[in-house]
């Protein structure tokens, strides 16, 4: 049974009503707070379910990535969205980089200030 959101035009309160499809438009809706029939149906945000592949494609569109080259804030926002879409905790270093990007710091500056970022790929054989 679908839920329909309403607002009372007398008391101003918002409420929801469960109405079967076959009764919608035929049944009188009254305010859940003051019992007034002077109510208006509210239009609410619509959510569209998309596949993980579809969400990731939108975030990694090459034209979008090119436009971010000189905009660290946009790059940080995109990286945060990508992380949220993946649903995985990327660790404190990743969050530090995103925070710095979102504050406007350029990626090259971040690399200079955080030289050990990325696990030190050059010294893999030193401990062998």
Protein backbone atom coordinates (compact mmCIF):
# COMPACT_ATOMS: atom_id res chain seq x y z
CA UNK A 1 0.00 0.00 0.00
CA UNK A 2 1.58 3.32 -1.03
CA UNK A 3 2.22 6.21 1.32
CA UNK A 4 1.11 9.68 0.25
CA UNK A 5 2.51 12.81 1.94
CA UNK A 6 0.13 15.64 2.77
CA UNK A 7 0.17 19.06 4.43
CA UNK A 8 -2.75 20.48 6.34
CA UNK A 9 -3.68 23.96 5.12
CA UNK A 10 -5.35 24.75 8.47
CA UNK A 11 -2.74 23.75 11.07
CA UNK A 12 0.29 23.54 8.70
CA UNK A 13 1.42 20.12 9.92
CA UNK A 14 2.76 17.46 7.59
CA UNK A 15 1.56 13.87 7.68
CA UNK A 16 1.42 10.72 5.58
CA UNK A 17 -1.55 8.55 4.66
CA UNK A 18 -1.54 4.93 3.52
CA UNK A 19 -4.07 4.55 0.70
CA UNK A 20 -4.55 1.53 -1.59
CA UNK A 21 -4.22 2.35 -5.29
CA UNK A 22 -7.87 1.59 -5.99
CA UNK A 23 -9.01 4.06 -3.27
CA UNK A 24 -6.75 6.96 -4.23
CA UNK A 25 -8.80 9.95 -5.36
CA UNK A 26 -12.02 8.42 -4.03
CA UNK A 27 -11.25 8.50 -0.31
CA UNK A 28 -11.42 11.76 1.67
CA UNK A 29 -8.13 12.56 3.36
CA UNK A 30 -8.24 14.34 6.71
CA UNK A 31 -5.43 15.86 8.76
CA UNK A 32 -3.99 13.42 11.27
CA UNK A 33 -3.61 16.28 13.80
CA UNK A 34 -6.69 18.51 13.54
CA UNK A 35 -9.04 16.35 11.40
CA UNK A 36 -9.44 19.10 8.80
CA UNK A 37 -10.28 18.10 5.23
CA UNK A 38 -8.43 21.20 3.98
CA UNK A 39 -5.28 19.28 3.02
CA UNK A 40 -2.90 19.36 0.07
CA UNK A 41 -0.82 16.52 -1.27
CA UNK A 42 2.91 17.28 -1.17
CA UNK A 43 5.27 16.44 -3.99
CA UNK A 44 8.35 14.71 -2.67
CA UNK A 45 11.70 13.76 -4.12
CA UNK A 46 11.69 10.72 -6.37
CA UNK A 47 14.43 8.12 -5.96
CA UNK A 48 15.62 6.03 -8.86
CA UNK A 49 17.40 2.77 -8.23
CA UNK A 50 20.51 2.40 -10.38
CA UNK A 51 22.99 -0.40 -10.71
CA UNK A 52 26.44 -0.08 -9.16
CA UNK A 53 27.93 -0.13 -12.66
CA UNK A 54 25.73 2.78 -13.74
CA UNK A 55 26.64 4.86 -10.68
CA UNK A 56 30.37 4.25 -11.17
CA UNK A 57 30.18 5.06 -14.90
CA UNK A 58 28.75 8.50 -14.11
CA UNK A 59 31.50 9.19 -11.58
CA UNK A 60 34.34 8.13 -13.88
CA UNK A 61 33.19 9.84 -17.08
CA UNK A 62 36.42 11.02 -18.83
CA UNK A 63 34.93 14.42 -19.73
CA UNK A 64 34.10 15.02 -16.07
CA UNK A 65 37.59 13.96 -14.97
CA UNK A 66 39.25 16.31 -17.50
CA UNK A 67 37.28 19.27 -16.21
CA UNK A 68 38.58 18.62 -12.67
CA UNK A 69 42.25 18.85 -13.57
CA UNK A 70 42.59 22.37 -12.17
CA UNK A 71 39.80 22.18 -9.58
CA UNK A 72 40.95 20.35 -6.42
CA UNK A 73 37.61 20.93 -4.66
CA UNK A 74 35.68 19.22 -7.46
CA UNK A 75 38.24 16.41 -7.51
CA UNK A 76 37.85 15.89 -3.75
CA UNK A 77 34.07 15.88 -4.06
CA UNK A 78 34.21 13.30 -6.86
CA UNK A 79 36.62 11.11 -4.86
CA UNK A 80 34.34 11.26 -1.81
CA UNK A 81 31.31 10.30 -3.95
CA UNK A 82 33.26 7.44 -5.49
CA UNK A 83 34.28 6.21 -2.04
CA UNK A 84 30.66 6.41 -0.85
CA UNK A 85 29.41 4.55 -3.93
CA UNK A 86 31.94 1.77 -3.35
CA UNK A 87 30.82 1.54 0.27
CA UNK A 88 34.29 0.80 1.57
CA UNK A 89 36.38 2.61 4.16
CA UNK A 90 39.47 3.73 2.30
CA UNK A 91 41.41 4.55 5.46
CA UNK A 92 42.58 7.71 7.20
CA UNK A 93 45.18 8.63 4.54
CA UNK A 94 42.53 8.66 1.82
CA UNK A 95 40.24 10.80 3.99
CA UNK A 96 43.14 13.18 4.69
CA UNK A 97 43.76 13.63 0.96
CA UNK A 98 40.06 14.20 0.26
CA UNK A 99 39.81 16.75 3.09
CA UNK A 100 42.82 18.62 1.70
CA UNK A 101 41.42 18.56 -1.85
CA UNK A 102 38.03 19.81 -0.67
CA UNK A 103 39.76 22.67 1.15
CA UNK A 104 41.33 23.68 -2.19
CA UNK A 105 44.86 22.31 -1.80
CA UNK A 106 46.41 21.29 -5.12
CA UNK A 107 47.35 17.57 -5.56
CA UNK A 108 51.06 18.39 -6.09
CA UNK A 109 51.16 20.27 -2.77
CA UNK A 110 49.56 17.29 -1.04
CA UNK A 111 52.18 14.94 -2.53
CA UNK A 112 55.00 17.19 -1.27
CA UNK A 113 53.53 17.41 2.24
CA UNK A 114 52.67 13.70 2.47
CA UNK A 115 55.60 11.95 0.73
CA UNK A 116 54.90 8.55 2.34
CA UNK A 117 51.42 8.41 0.87
CA UNK A 118 50.87 5.30 -1.21
CA UNK A 119 52.91 2.83 0.82
CA UNK A 120 56.42 3.72 -0.35
CA UNK A 121 56.43 1.72 -3.60
CA UNK A 122 60.12 2.48 -4.35
CA UNK A 123 61.66 0.64 -1.40
CA UNK A 124 59.96 -2.76 -1.72
CA UNK A 125 63.22 -4.70 -1.85
CA UNK A 126 65.01 -2.96 1.04
CA UNK A 127 63.80 -5.35 3.75
CA UNK A 128 64.56 -8.58 1.86
